[in-house]
N, C-alpha and C. Protein backbone atom coordinates (compact mmCIF):
# COMPACT_ATOMS: atom_id res chain seq x y z
N UNK A 1 6.59 15.77 5.38
CA UNK A 1 5.34 15.08 5.40
C UNK A 1 4.67 15.21 6.72
N UNK A 2 3.49 15.67 6.71
CA UNK A 2 2.81 15.86 7.97
C UNK A 2 1.99 14.67 8.26
N UNK A 3 2.51 13.54 8.39
CA UNK A 3 1.68 12.42 8.50
C UNK A 3 1.82 11.61 9.71
N UNK A 4 0.94 11.81 10.66
CA UNK A 4 1.08 11.07 11.87
C UNK A 4 0.70 9.67 11.66
N UNK A 5 0.72 8.92 11.05
CA UNK A 5 0.39 7.55 11.34
C UNK A 5 0.97 6.63 10.36
N UNK A 6 0.36 5.58 10.25
CA UNK A 6 0.95 4.53 9.62
C UNK A 6 0.73 4.46 8.19
N UNK A 7 0.63 5.44 7.61
CA UNK A 7 0.48 5.52 6.21
C UNK A 7 1.26 4.48 5.53
N UNK A 8 2.16 4.12 6.01
CA UNK A 8 2.91 3.25 5.28
C UNK A 8 2.49 1.92 5.43
N UNK A 9 2.36 1.64 5.80
CA UNK A 9 2.08 0.39 5.94
C UNK A 9 1.14 0.12 5.13
N UNK A 10 1.40 0.64 3.84
CA UNK A 10 1.00 0.65 3.22
C UNK A 10 1.04 0.72 3.14
N UNK A 11 1.44 0.27 3.15
CA UNK A 11 1.40 -0.33 3.12
C UNK A 11 1.08 -0.32 2.87
N UNK A 12 2.04 0.33 2.61
CA UNK A 12 1.87 0.28 2.81
C UNK A 12 1.88 0.06 2.75
N UNK A 13 1.18 0.25 2.44
CA UNK A 13 0.72 -0.25 2.62
C UNK A 13 0.84 -0.31 2.13
N UNK A 14 1.18 -1.98 2.11
CA UNK A 14 0.93 -1.93 1.90
C UNK A 14 0.86 -1.95 1.86
N UNK A 15 0.55 -2.01 0.23
CA UNK A 15 0.87 -2.69 0.05
C UNK A 15 1.30 -3.47 0.27
N UNK A 16 1.45 -4.03 -0.45
CA UNK A 16 1.28 -5.10 -0.83
C UNK A 16 0.82 -5.28 -2.03
N UNK A 17 0.85 -5.69 -2.51
CA UNK A 17 -0.03 -5.35 -3.45
C UNK A 17 0.57 -5.43 -4.70
N UNK A 18 0.90 -5.97 -5.44
CA UNK A 18 1.57 -5.82 -6.64
C UNK A 18 0.75 -6.35 -7.73
N UNK A 19 -0.29 -5.77 -8.06
CA UNK A 19 -1.18 -6.29 -9.02
C UNK A 19 -2.11 -5.28 -9.56
N UNK A 20 -3.01 -5.66 -10.39
CA UNK A 20 -3.92 -4.66 -10.83
C UNK A 20 -5.09 -5.22 -11.55
N UNK A 21 -6.08 -5.68 -10.84
CA UNK A 21 -7.18 -6.18 -11.59
C UNK A 21 -8.41 -6.42 -10.80
N UNK A 22 -9.52 -6.65 -11.44
CA UNK A 22 -10.73 -6.85 -10.70
C UNK A 22 -11.63 -7.86 -11.30
N UNK A 23 -11.51 -8.19 -12.51
CA UNK A 23 -12.44 -9.15 -13.08
C UNK A 23 -11.67 -10.27 -13.74
N UNK A 24 -12.12 -11.51 -13.55
CA UNK A 24 -11.44 -12.64 -14.16
C UNK A 24 -11.42 -12.48 -15.67
N UNK A 25 -10.28 -12.85 -16.28
CA UNK A 25 -10.19 -12.67 -17.73
C UNK A 25 -10.00 -13.96 -18.48
N UNK A 26 -9.31 -14.91 -17.90
CA UNK A 26 -9.02 -16.13 -18.63
C UNK A 26 -8.81 -17.27 -17.67
N UNK A 27 -9.33 -18.43 -18.00
CA UNK A 27 -9.16 -19.60 -17.14
C UNK A 27 -7.93 -20.39 -17.56
N UNK A 28 -7.26 -19.95 -18.64
CA UNK A 28 -6.15 -20.73 -19.17
C UNK A 28 -4.79 -20.20 -18.76
N UNK A 29 -4.66 -18.88 -18.55
CA UNK A 29 -3.38 -18.32 -18.20
C UNK A 29 -3.14 -18.30 -16.70
N UNK A 30 -2.18 -17.48 -16.27
CA UNK A 30 -1.86 -17.35 -14.86
C UNK A 30 -2.63 -16.17 -14.26
N UNK A 31 -2.58 -16.07 -12.94
CA UNK A 31 -3.30 -14.99 -12.25
C UNK A 31 -2.76 -13.63 -12.67
N UNK A 32 -1.44 -13.49 -12.76
CA UNK A 32 -0.84 -12.22 -13.16
C UNK A 32 -0.24 -12.35 -14.56
N UNK A 33 -0.59 -11.39 -15.42
CA UNK A 33 -0.05 -11.38 -16.78
C UNK A 33 0.33 -9.96 -17.18
N UNK A 34 1.11 -9.85 -18.24
CA UNK A 34 1.40 -8.56 -18.86
C UNK A 34 0.93 -8.62 -20.31
N UNK A 35 0.79 -7.45 -20.94
CA UNK A 35 0.34 -7.42 -22.32
C UNK A 35 -1.16 -7.51 -22.47
N UNK A 36 -1.88 -7.57 -21.36
CA UNK A 36 -3.33 -7.67 -21.41
C UNK A 36 -3.83 -8.81 -20.55
N UNK A 37 -5.14 -8.82 -20.31
CA UNK A 37 -5.73 -9.93 -19.56
C UNK A 37 -5.53 -11.21 -20.36
N UNK A 38 -5.07 -12.27 -19.69
CA UNK A 38 -4.80 -13.52 -20.37
C UNK A 38 -3.53 -13.48 -21.21
N UNK A 39 -2.66 -12.50 -20.95
CA UNK A 39 -1.45 -12.35 -21.75
C UNK A 39 -0.28 -13.18 -21.24
N UNK A 40 0.92 -12.60 -21.29
CA UNK A 40 2.14 -13.31 -20.90
C UNK A 40 2.24 -13.42 -19.38
N UNK A 41 2.53 -14.61 -18.89
CA UNK A 41 2.61 -14.83 -17.45
C UNK A 41 3.74 -14.03 -16.83
N UNK A 42 3.46 -13.42 -15.67
CA UNK A 42 4.49 -12.76 -14.89
C UNK A 42 5.32 -13.85 -14.21
N UNK A 43 6.64 -13.78 -14.32
CA UNK A 43 7.51 -14.82 -13.78
C UNK A 43 7.68 -14.69 -12.27
N UNK A 44 7.79 -15.83 -11.61
CA UNK A 44 8.13 -15.82 -10.19
C UNK A 44 9.50 -15.17 -10.04
N UNK A 45 9.62 -14.26 -9.10
CA UNK A 45 10.85 -13.52 -8.91
C UNK A 45 10.81 -12.13 -9.51
N UNK A 46 9.85 -11.88 -10.39
CA UNK A 46 9.73 -10.54 -10.97
C UNK A 46 9.36 -9.53 -9.87
N UNK A 47 9.79 -8.30 -10.06
CA UNK A 47 9.52 -7.23 -9.10
C UNK A 47 8.42 -6.32 -9.65
N UNK A 48 7.37 -6.14 -8.85
CA UNK A 48 6.26 -5.29 -9.23
C UNK A 48 6.37 -3.96 -8.48
N UNK A 49 6.07 -2.89 -9.18
CA UNK A 49 6.19 -1.56 -8.60
C UNK A 49 4.96 -0.72 -8.94
N UNK A 50 4.69 0.27 -8.10
CA UNK A 50 3.64 1.24 -8.42
C UNK A 50 3.81 2.47 -7.55
N UNK A 51 3.41 3.61 -8.11
CA UNK A 51 3.33 4.86 -7.38
C UNK A 51 1.86 5.26 -7.30
N UNK A 52 1.57 6.31 -6.56
CA UNK A 52 0.19 6.75 -6.46
C UNK A 52 -0.35 7.09 -7.85
N UNK A 53 -1.63 6.79 -8.07
CA UNK A 53 -2.27 7.14 -9.32
C UNK A 53 -2.20 8.65 -9.53
N UNK A 54 -2.02 9.06 -10.76
CA UNK A 54 -1.89 10.48 -11.07
C UNK A 54 -3.06 11.29 -10.52
N UNK A 55 -2.73 12.38 -9.86
CA UNK A 55 -3.76 13.26 -9.34
C UNK A 55 -4.39 12.84 -8.04
N UNK A 56 -3.88 11.75 -7.43
CA UNK A 56 -4.43 11.28 -6.16
C UNK A 56 -3.43 11.45 -5.03
N UNK A 57 -3.89 11.23 -3.82
CA UNK A 57 -3.02 11.33 -2.64
C UNK A 57 -3.30 10.16 -1.71
N UNK A 58 -2.29 9.81 -0.93
CA UNK A 58 -2.47 8.83 0.14
C UNK A 58 -2.83 9.60 1.40
N UNK A 59 -3.90 9.21 2.05
CA UNK A 59 -4.34 9.96 3.22
C UNK A 59 -4.45 9.05 4.44
N UNK A 60 -4.22 9.66 5.58
CA UNK A 60 -4.43 8.99 6.85
C UNK A 60 -5.23 9.97 7.71
N UNK A 61 -6.50 9.67 7.85
CA UNK A 61 -7.40 10.56 8.57
C UNK A 61 -7.78 9.97 9.92
N UNK A 62 -8.19 10.84 10.82
CA UNK A 62 -8.49 10.41 12.19
C UNK A 62 -9.82 9.70 12.32
N UNK A 63 -10.64 9.74 11.27
CA UNK A 63 -11.92 9.01 11.29
C UNK A 63 -12.20 8.49 9.89
N UNK A 64 -13.08 7.52 9.81
CA UNK A 64 -13.37 6.88 8.52
C UNK A 64 -14.02 7.83 7.53
N UNK A 65 -14.73 8.84 8.04
CA UNK A 65 -15.44 9.76 7.15
C UNK A 65 -14.93 11.19 7.23
N UNK A 66 -13.90 11.43 8.03
CA UNK A 66 -13.39 12.79 8.22
C UNK A 66 -12.32 13.18 7.24
N UNK A 67 -11.83 14.42 7.37
CA UNK A 67 -10.76 14.93 6.50
C UNK A 67 -9.63 15.56 7.31
N UNK A 68 -9.56 15.23 8.58
CA UNK A 68 -8.51 15.74 9.45
C UNK A 68 -7.39 14.71 9.56
N UNK A 69 -6.18 15.11 9.19
CA UNK A 69 -5.07 14.17 9.28
C UNK A 69 -3.94 14.55 8.36
N UNK A 70 -3.47 13.56 7.61
CA UNK A 70 -2.30 13.75 6.76
C UNK A 70 -2.60 13.34 5.33
N UNK A 71 -2.03 14.08 4.39
CA UNK A 71 -2.20 13.77 2.97
C UNK A 71 -0.84 13.83 2.29
N UNK A 72 -0.48 12.78 1.53
CA UNK A 72 0.81 12.71 0.85
C UNK A 72 0.61 12.52 -0.65
N UNK A 73 1.32 13.29 -1.44
CA UNK A 73 1.18 13.22 -2.89
C UNK A 73 2.15 12.23 -3.54
N UNK A 74 3.09 11.71 -2.77
CA UNK A 74 4.08 10.78 -3.33
C UNK A 74 4.28 9.57 -2.42
N UNK A 75 4.04 8.38 -2.98
CA UNK A 75 4.21 7.13 -2.25
C UNK A 75 4.42 6.00 -3.25
N UNK A 76 5.24 5.03 -2.91
CA UNK A 76 5.51 3.91 -3.81
C UNK A 76 5.57 2.60 -3.03
N UNK A 77 5.40 1.50 -3.76
CA UNK A 77 5.61 0.19 -3.14
C UNK A 77 6.34 -0.72 -4.11
N UNK A 78 7.02 -1.72 -3.55
CA UNK A 78 7.75 -2.71 -4.33
C UNK A 78 7.44 -4.09 -3.76
N UNK A 79 7.13 -5.04 -4.64
CA UNK A 79 6.81 -6.40 -4.19
C UNK A 79 7.38 -7.42 -5.16
N UNK A 80 7.86 -8.53 -4.62
CA UNK A 80 8.40 -9.60 -5.44
C UNK A 80 7.38 -10.72 -5.56
N UNK A 81 7.17 -11.23 -6.77
CA UNK A 81 6.22 -12.31 -7.00
C UNK A 81 6.83 -13.62 -6.51
N UNK A 82 6.13 -14.29 -5.61
CA UNK A 82 6.64 -15.57 -5.08
C UNK A 82 5.85 -16.77 -5.59
N UNK A 83 4.66 -16.54 -6.13
CA UNK A 83 3.86 -17.62 -6.72
C UNK A 83 2.83 -17.00 -7.65
N UNK A 84 2.74 -17.52 -8.86
CA UNK A 84 1.79 -17.03 -9.85
C UNK A 84 1.11 -18.23 -10.52
N UNK A 85 0.13 -18.81 -9.84
CA UNK A 85 -0.49 -20.04 -10.32
C UNK A 85 -1.46 -19.80 -11.48
N UNK A 86 -2.00 -20.89 -11.99
CA UNK A 86 -2.98 -20.80 -13.07
C UNK A 86 -4.24 -20.11 -12.57
N UNK A 87 -4.87 -19.38 -13.47
CA UNK A 87 -6.13 -18.71 -13.15
C UNK A 87 -7.31 -19.64 -13.45
N UNK A 88 -8.38 -19.54 -12.67
CA UNK A 88 -8.51 -18.69 -11.49
C UNK A 88 -7.72 -19.24 -10.31
N UNK A 89 -7.21 -18.33 -9.50
CA UNK A 89 -6.39 -18.73 -8.37
C UNK A 89 -5.99 -17.52 -7.56
N UNK A 90 -4.90 -17.66 -6.79
CA UNK A 90 -4.44 -16.57 -5.94
C UNK A 90 -2.93 -16.42 -6.04
N UNK A 91 -2.50 -15.25 -6.46
CA UNK A 91 -1.08 -14.94 -6.57
C UNK A 91 -0.54 -14.58 -5.19
N UNK A 92 0.75 -14.83 -4.97
CA UNK A 92 1.39 -14.46 -3.70
C UNK A 92 2.60 -13.60 -3.98
N UNK A 93 2.78 -12.56 -3.16
CA UNK A 93 3.91 -11.64 -3.32
C UNK A 93 4.51 -11.32 -1.96
N UNK A 94 5.75 -10.87 -1.99
CA UNK A 94 6.44 -10.41 -0.79
C UNK A 94 6.62 -8.91 -0.91
N UNK A 95 5.90 -8.15 -0.07
CA UNK A 95 5.98 -6.70 -0.09
C UNK A 95 7.25 -6.29 0.65
N UNK A 96 8.23 -5.85 -0.09
CA UNK A 96 9.54 -5.55 0.50
C UNK A 96 9.79 -4.06 0.71
N UNK A 97 8.99 -3.22 0.08
CA UNK A 97 9.19 -1.78 0.23
C UNK A 97 7.90 -1.00 0.12
N UNK A 98 7.70 -0.02 1.00
CA UNK A 98 6.54 0.86 0.95
C UNK A 98 6.98 2.19 1.55
N UNK A 99 7.07 3.22 0.72
CA UNK A 99 7.63 4.49 1.16
C UNK A 99 6.68 5.65 0.91
N UNK A 100 6.88 6.72 1.68
CA UNK A 100 6.15 7.97 1.53
C UNK A 100 7.17 9.10 1.55
N UNK A 101 7.08 10.00 0.59
CA UNK A 101 8.00 11.13 0.52
C UNK A 101 7.48 12.23 1.43
N UNK A 102 8.17 12.45 2.54
CA UNK A 102 7.70 13.41 3.53
C UNK A 102 7.59 14.83 2.97
N UNK A 103 8.39 15.14 1.95
CA UNK A 103 8.35 16.49 1.38
C UNK A 103 7.06 16.73 0.61
N UNK A 104 6.32 15.66 0.30
CA UNK A 104 5.08 15.79 -0.46
C UNK A 104 3.85 15.78 0.45
N UNK A 105 4.07 15.70 1.75
CA UNK A 105 2.97 15.53 2.69
C UNK A 105 2.58 16.83 3.38
N UNK A 106 1.30 16.96 3.63
CA UNK A 106 0.78 18.10 4.38
C UNK A 106 -0.12 17.58 5.49
N UNK A 107 -0.31 18.41 6.51
CA UNK A 107 -1.16 18.02 7.63
C UNK A 107 -1.97 19.22 8.10
N UNK A 108 -3.23 18.95 8.46
CA UNK A 108 -4.08 20.00 9.01
C UNK A 108 -4.36 19.75 10.49
N UNK A 109 -3.45 19.00 11.13
CA UNK A 109 -3.61 18.68 12.54
C UNK A 109 -3.03 19.81 13.39
N UNK A 110 -3.81 20.35 14.27
CA UNK A 110 -3.37 21.44 15.13
C UNK A 110 -2.15 21.03 15.95
N UNK A 111 -1.10 21.85 15.91
CA UNK A 111 0.10 21.58 16.69
C UNK A 111 1.16 20.83 15.93
N UNK A 112 0.83 20.28 14.74
CA UNK A 112 1.82 19.56 13.94
C UNK A 112 2.42 20.50 12.92
N UNK A 113 3.75 20.64 12.95
CA UNK A 113 4.45 21.56 12.06
C UNK A 113 5.05 20.86 10.85
N UNK A 114 5.30 19.58 10.97
CA UNK A 114 5.90 18.84 9.87
C UNK A 114 6.21 17.42 10.26
N UNK A 115 6.69 16.66 9.28
CA UNK A 115 7.05 15.25 9.51
C UNK A 115 8.54 15.08 9.25
N UNK A 116 9.24 14.52 10.20
CA UNK A 116 10.68 14.33 10.05
C UNK A 116 11.05 12.93 9.57
N UNK A 117 10.12 12.02 9.60
CA UNK A 117 10.42 10.67 9.12
C UNK A 117 9.26 9.73 9.26
N UNK A 118 9.17 8.79 8.31
CA UNK A 118 8.14 7.76 8.36
C UNK A 118 8.79 6.43 7.97
N UNK A 119 8.58 5.43 8.78
CA UNK A 119 9.18 4.12 8.52
C UNK A 119 8.12 3.04 8.59
N UNK A 120 8.07 2.21 7.56
CA UNK A 120 7.18 1.06 7.59
C UNK A 120 7.99 -0.08 8.18
N UNK A 121 7.54 -0.57 9.32
CA UNK A 121 8.30 -1.57 10.07
C UNK A 121 7.86 -3.00 9.74
N UNK A 122 8.67 -3.93 10.20
CA UNK A 122 8.35 -5.37 10.16
C UNK A 122 8.20 -5.93 8.75
N UNK A 123 8.76 -5.27 7.75
CA UNK A 123 8.75 -5.83 6.40
C UNK A 123 9.67 -7.05 6.35
N UNK A 124 9.43 -7.99 5.43
CA UNK A 124 8.40 -7.94 4.38
C UNK A 124 7.04 -8.40 4.88
N UNK A 125 6.00 -7.97 4.15
CA UNK A 125 4.64 -8.44 4.38
C UNK A 125 4.26 -9.38 3.24
N UNK A 126 3.36 -10.28 3.51
CA UNK A 126 2.86 -11.19 2.47
C UNK A 126 1.60 -10.61 1.87
N UNK A 127 1.57 -10.53 0.55
CA UNK A 127 0.41 -9.99 -0.15
C UNK A 127 -0.15 -11.06 -1.08
N UNK A 128 -1.46 -11.21 -1.08
CA UNK A 128 -2.10 -12.14 -2.00
C UNK A 128 -3.09 -11.37 -2.86
N UNK A 129 -3.19 -11.79 -4.12
CA UNK A 129 -4.14 -11.19 -5.05
C UNK A 129 -4.91 -12.31 -5.72
N UNK A 130 -6.22 -12.30 -5.53
CA UNK A 130 -7.08 -13.34 -6.09
C UNK A 130 -7.58 -12.95 -7.48
N UNK A 131 -8.04 -13.91 -8.22
CA UNK A 131 -8.53 -13.66 -9.57
C UNK A 131 -9.69 -12.68 -9.60
N UNK A 132 -10.44 -12.57 -8.52
CA UNK A 132 -11.56 -11.62 -8.48
C UNK A 132 -11.12 -10.22 -8.09
N UNK A 133 -9.81 -10.02 -7.91
CA UNK A 133 -9.28 -8.70 -7.59
C UNK A 133 -9.11 -8.43 -6.11
N UNK A 134 -9.50 -9.36 -5.25
CA UNK A 134 -9.37 -9.15 -3.81
C UNK A 134 -7.91 -9.21 -3.38
N UNK A 135 -7.47 -8.22 -2.58
CA UNK A 135 -6.09 -8.14 -2.11
C UNK A 135 -6.05 -8.24 -0.59
N UNK A 136 -5.11 -9.02 -0.08
CA UNK A 136 -4.90 -9.12 1.36
C UNK A 136 -3.42 -8.93 1.64
N UNK A 137 -3.13 -8.12 2.67
CA UNK A 137 -1.75 -7.89 3.09
C UNK A 137 -1.63 -8.34 4.54
N UNK A 138 -0.64 -9.18 4.82
CA UNK A 138 -0.50 -9.74 6.17
C UNK A 138 0.96 -9.70 6.60
N UNK A 139 1.21 -9.51 7.91
CA UNK A 139 2.58 -9.53 8.43
C UNK A 139 3.04 -10.96 8.62
N UNK A 140 4.31 -11.12 8.96
CA UNK A 140 4.82 -12.45 9.28
C UNK A 140 4.13 -12.97 10.54
N UNK A 141 4.13 -14.29 10.71
CA UNK A 141 3.51 -14.88 11.89
C UNK A 141 4.10 -14.29 13.16
N UNK A 142 3.24 -13.90 14.10
CA UNK A 142 3.69 -13.34 15.35
C UNK A 142 4.05 -11.87 15.28
N UNK A 143 3.90 -11.26 14.09
CA UNK A 143 4.25 -9.85 13.91
C UNK A 143 2.98 -9.05 13.62
N UNK A 144 3.17 -7.80 13.22
CA UNK A 144 2.03 -6.93 12.91
C UNK A 144 2.46 -5.92 11.86
N UNK A 145 1.50 -5.41 11.11
CA UNK A 145 1.78 -4.31 10.20
C UNK A 145 1.97 -3.07 11.06
N UNK A 146 3.07 -2.38 10.87
CA UNK A 146 3.38 -1.26 11.76
C UNK A 146 4.10 -0.14 11.01
N UNK A 147 3.75 1.09 11.40
CA UNK A 147 4.43 2.26 10.85
C UNK A 147 4.80 3.20 11.98
N UNK A 148 6.01 3.68 11.92
CA UNK A 148 6.50 4.63 12.91
C UNK A 148 6.65 6.00 12.25
N UNK A 149 5.99 7.00 12.83
CA UNK A 149 6.01 8.34 12.25
C UNK A 149 6.60 9.32 13.26
N UNK A 150 7.60 10.07 12.82
CA UNK A 150 8.20 11.10 13.68
C UNK A 150 7.70 12.46 13.21
N UNK A 151 7.04 13.19 14.13
CA UNK A 151 6.41 14.46 13.79
C UNK A 151 7.08 15.62 14.51
N UNK A 152 7.20 16.71 13.81
CA UNK A 152 7.70 17.95 14.41
C UNK A 152 6.50 18.77 14.87
N UNK A 153 6.44 19.04 16.15
CA UNK A 153 5.29 19.73 16.72
C UNK A 153 5.72 20.95 17.52
N UNK A 154 4.75 21.67 18.01
CA UNK A 154 5.04 22.83 18.84
C UNK A 154 5.76 22.44 20.13
N UNK A 155 5.64 21.17 20.50
CA UNK A 155 6.25 20.68 21.72
C UNK A 155 7.55 19.92 21.45
N UNK A 156 8.00 19.95 20.20
CA UNK A 156 9.20 19.21 19.83
C UNK A 156 8.84 18.00 18.98
N UNK A 157 9.79 17.12 18.77
CA UNK A 157 9.56 15.93 17.95
C UNK A 157 8.89 14.84 18.77
N UNK A 158 7.83 14.28 18.21
CA UNK A 158 7.14 13.16 18.87
C UNK A 158 7.15 11.96 17.93
N UNK A 159 7.01 10.78 18.50
CA UNK A 159 6.97 9.55 17.73
C UNK A 159 5.61 8.88 17.89
N UNK A 160 4.97 8.60 16.78
CA UNK A 160 3.65 7.93 16.78
C UNK A 160 3.82 6.56 16.14
N UNK A 161 3.36 5.54 16.83
CA UNK A 161 3.43 4.18 16.29
C UNK A 161 2.02 3.65 16.08
N UNK A 162 1.76 3.17 14.86
CA UNK A 162 0.44 2.65 14.50
C UNK A 162 0.56 1.21 14.01
N UNK A 163 -0.46 0.42 14.35
CA UNK A 163 -0.44 -0.99 13.96
C UNK A 163 -1.79 -1.42 13.40
N UNK A 164 -1.74 -2.46 12.56
CA UNK A 164 -2.95 -3.08 12.02
C UNK A 164 -2.67 -4.56 11.85
N UNK A 165 -3.67 -5.41 12.09
CA UNK A 165 -3.46 -6.85 11.93
C UNK A 165 -3.32 -7.26 10.47
N UNK A 166 -3.85 -6.45 9.57
CA UNK A 166 -3.80 -6.77 8.14
C UNK A 166 -4.50 -5.68 7.36
N UNK A 167 -4.37 -5.74 6.04
CA UNK A 167 -5.01 -4.77 5.16
C UNK A 167 -5.74 -5.51 4.05
N UNK A 168 -6.82 -4.91 3.56
CA UNK A 168 -7.52 -5.46 2.40
C UNK A 168 -7.67 -4.37 1.35
N UNK A 169 -7.64 -4.76 0.09
CA UNK A 169 -7.78 -3.80 -0.99
C UNK A 169 -8.42 -4.45 -2.20
N UNK A 170 -8.42 -3.74 -3.31
CA UNK A 170 -9.03 -4.25 -4.53
C UNK A 170 -8.19 -3.85 -5.73
N UNK A 171 -8.08 -4.75 -6.71
CA UNK A 171 -7.34 -4.50 -7.93
C UNK A 171 -8.31 -4.35 -9.09
N UNK A 172 -7.92 -3.55 -10.08
CA UNK A 172 -8.77 -3.32 -11.26
C UNK A 172 -7.92 -3.33 -12.52
N UNK A 173 -8.38 -4.04 -13.53
CA UNK A 173 -7.70 -4.06 -14.82
C UNK A 173 -8.02 -2.83 -15.65
N UNK A 174 -9.00 -2.06 -15.24
CA UNK A 174 -9.38 -0.87 -16.00
C UNK A 174 -8.22 0.10 -16.12
N UNK A 175 -7.52 0.31 -15.00
CA UNK A 175 -6.35 1.20 -15.00
C UNK A 175 -5.14 0.56 -14.33
N UNK A 176 -5.16 -0.77 -14.23
CA UNK A 176 -4.05 -1.52 -13.62
C UNK A 176 -3.71 -0.97 -12.24
N UNK A 177 -4.74 -0.83 -11.43
CA UNK A 177 -4.58 -0.19 -10.12
C UNK A 177 -4.86 -1.13 -8.98
N UNK A 178 -4.41 -0.70 -7.79
CA UNK A 178 -4.81 -1.33 -6.54
C UNK A 178 -5.23 -0.20 -5.61
N UNK A 179 -6.32 -0.42 -4.88
CA UNK A 179 -6.90 0.63 -4.05
C UNK A 179 -7.14 0.12 -2.64
N UNK A 180 -6.77 0.95 -1.66
CA UNK A 180 -7.06 0.69 -0.25
C UNK A 180 -7.96 1.81 0.24
N UNK A 181 -9.04 1.46 0.90
CA UNK A 181 -10.00 2.46 1.33
C UNK A 181 -10.30 2.33 2.82
N UNK A 182 -10.04 3.38 3.58
CA UNK A 182 -10.39 3.42 5.00
C UNK A 182 -9.83 2.29 5.82
N UNK A 183 -8.59 1.89 5.57
CA UNK A 183 -7.98 0.81 6.34
C UNK A 183 -7.56 1.32 7.72
N UNK A 184 -8.05 0.67 8.76
CA UNK A 184 -7.91 1.19 10.12
C UNK A 184 -6.62 0.75 10.80
N UNK A 185 -5.90 1.73 11.35
CA UNK A 185 -4.72 1.51 12.16
C UNK A 185 -4.98 2.06 13.56
N UNK A 186 -4.44 1.38 14.56
CA UNK A 186 -4.60 1.84 15.94
C UNK A 186 -3.27 2.34 16.48
N UNK A 187 -3.31 3.44 17.22
CA UNK A 187 -2.09 3.96 17.84
C UNK A 187 -1.70 3.06 19.01
N UNK A 188 -0.44 2.63 19.02
CA UNK A 188 0.04 1.81 20.12
C UNK A 188 0.97 2.60 21.04
N UNK A 189 1.50 3.72 20.56
CA UNK A 189 2.28 4.60 21.42
C UNK A 189 2.37 5.97 20.77
N UNK A 190 2.55 7.00 21.61
CA UNK A 190 2.65 8.36 21.10
C UNK A 190 1.87 9.34 21.95
N UNK A 191 2.11 10.62 21.74
CA UNK A 191 1.46 11.65 22.54
C UNK A 191 0.02 11.87 22.11
N UNK A 192 -0.65 12.78 22.78
CA UNK A 192 -2.05 13.08 22.47
C UNK A 192 -2.20 13.73 21.11
N UNK A 193 -1.11 14.21 20.52
CA UNK A 193 -1.19 14.78 19.18
C UNK A 193 -1.29 13.69 18.11
N UNK A 194 -1.00 12.46 18.49
CA UNK A 194 -1.15 11.33 17.56
C UNK A 194 -2.60 10.85 17.61
N UNK A 195 -3.20 10.65 16.45
CA UNK A 195 -4.57 10.14 16.41
C UNK A 195 -4.68 8.83 17.18
N UNK A 196 -5.82 8.61 17.80
CA UNK A 196 -6.06 7.32 18.45
C UNK A 196 -6.20 6.24 17.40
N UNK A 197 -6.79 6.59 16.25
CA UNK A 197 -6.94 5.67 15.13
C UNK A 197 -6.61 6.44 13.85
N UNK A 198 -6.07 5.73 12.88
CA UNK A 198 -5.80 6.33 11.58
C UNK A 198 -6.44 5.49 10.49
N UNK A 199 -7.08 6.14 9.54
CA UNK A 199 -7.76 5.43 8.44
C UNK A 199 -7.04 5.76 7.13
N UNK A 200 -6.45 4.72 6.55
CA UNK A 200 -5.58 4.86 5.38
C UNK A 200 -6.32 4.61 4.08
N UNK A 201 -6.18 5.55 3.15
CA UNK A 201 -6.77 5.41 1.82
C UNK A 201 -5.73 5.78 0.77
N UNK A 202 -5.58 4.97 -0.27
CA UNK A 202 -4.62 5.27 -1.33
C UNK A 202 -4.94 4.42 -2.56
N UNK A 203 -4.62 4.98 -3.73
CA UNK A 203 -4.76 4.25 -4.99
C UNK A 203 -3.43 4.29 -5.72
N UNK A 204 -2.90 3.11 -6.06
CA UNK A 204 -1.63 2.99 -6.77
C UNK A 204 -1.89 2.50 -8.20
N UNK A 205 -1.32 3.23 -9.18
CA UNK A 205 -1.52 2.84 -10.58
C UNK A 205 -0.54 3.61 -11.48
N UNK A 206 -0.09 2.95 -12.56
CA UNK A 206 -0.33 1.53 -12.85
C UNK A 206 0.69 0.65 -12.12
N UNK A 207 0.30 -0.56 -11.82
CA UNK A 207 1.23 -1.55 -11.29
C UNK A 207 1.98 -2.12 -12.49
N UNK A 208 3.31 -2.12 -12.43
CA UNK A 208 4.12 -2.57 -13.55
C UNK A 208 5.09 -3.67 -13.15
N UNK A 209 5.54 -4.42 -14.14
CA UNK A 209 6.50 -5.51 -13.94
C UNK A 209 7.86 -5.00 -14.40
N UNK A 210 8.75 -4.77 -13.45
CA UNK A 210 10.05 -4.19 -13.79
C UNK A 210 10.93 -5.15 -14.57
N UNK A 211 10.54 -6.43 -14.63
CA UNK A 211 11.34 -7.39 -15.39
C UNK A 211 11.10 -7.22 -16.88
N UNK A 212 10.04 -6.52 -17.25
CA UNK A 212 9.76 -6.29 -18.66
C UNK A 212 10.69 -5.24 -19.24
N UNK A 213 10.82 -5.22 -20.56
CA UNK A 213 11.75 -4.29 -21.20
C UNK A 213 11.33 -2.84 -20.99
N UNK A 214 10.02 -2.59 -20.89
CA UNK A 214 9.57 -1.21 -20.70
C UNK A 214 8.60 -1.10 -19.53
N UNK A 215 8.74 -2.00 -18.58
CA UNK A 215 7.87 -1.95 -17.41
C UNK A 215 6.41 -2.10 -17.77
N UNK A 216 6.00 -3.23 -18.39
CA UNK A 216 4.61 -3.38 -18.82
C UNK A 216 3.64 -3.44 -17.64
N UNK A 217 2.43 -2.99 -17.87
CA UNK A 217 1.39 -3.02 -16.84
C UNK A 217 1.00 -4.46 -16.52
N UNK A 218 0.59 -4.67 -15.28
CA UNK A 218 0.22 -6.01 -14.81
C UNK A 218 -1.30 -6.12 -14.74
N UNK A 219 -1.80 -7.25 -15.26
CA UNK A 219 -3.24 -7.55 -15.24
C UNK A 219 -3.52 -8.74 -14.33
N UNK A 220 -4.72 -8.77 -13.78
CA UNK A 220 -5.15 -9.87 -12.93
C UNK A 220 -6.22 -10.68 -13.65
N UNK A 221 -6.07 -12.01 -13.61
CA UNK A 221 -6.98 -12.91 -14.35
C UNK A 221 -7.68 -13.89 -13.42
């Protein structure tokens, strides 16, 4: 994976994120359901999972509008539901895992030959999903969202560390997805080959409830 930055963290990123919706569906059920909007309540303790939406990539670019950086075709997140109140309301999750497969990553950064490792640090993160589809990912008090990336370069292996105070995203019931767009990370350590800033974009779908018999899709209400 040629990915200098904090892709993960997303977190990623992340996620966080264990949901999938954008429009309120029912005032009678819970915020998260399976079987459709307003369907069966997702139980507290259930594990939500998602990989990148088919045909998409997770990217970390050096600018909000540029295309220079890292692109990964494989990434997943895992989150445990800690509160699923009545809708309308705000669900809470614990983002316990956010990974990127380095073998699926490419980079067009001059001097970068490959990625030897990417670690999302300081997990778990707290993720909230509101009935309107708004997603927020936050680190523990006194901590930060952080990703450590080890890159193989012409000068040897370098370590790039990126941090963000939090992430925001959006959920949609159309395809049971969660999307992060242009989320900014700042480099806190690393060589000049590490971007000063990294902008993370990724779409995960479908978000599923692993407690279900066949991993049913999760809806937001």
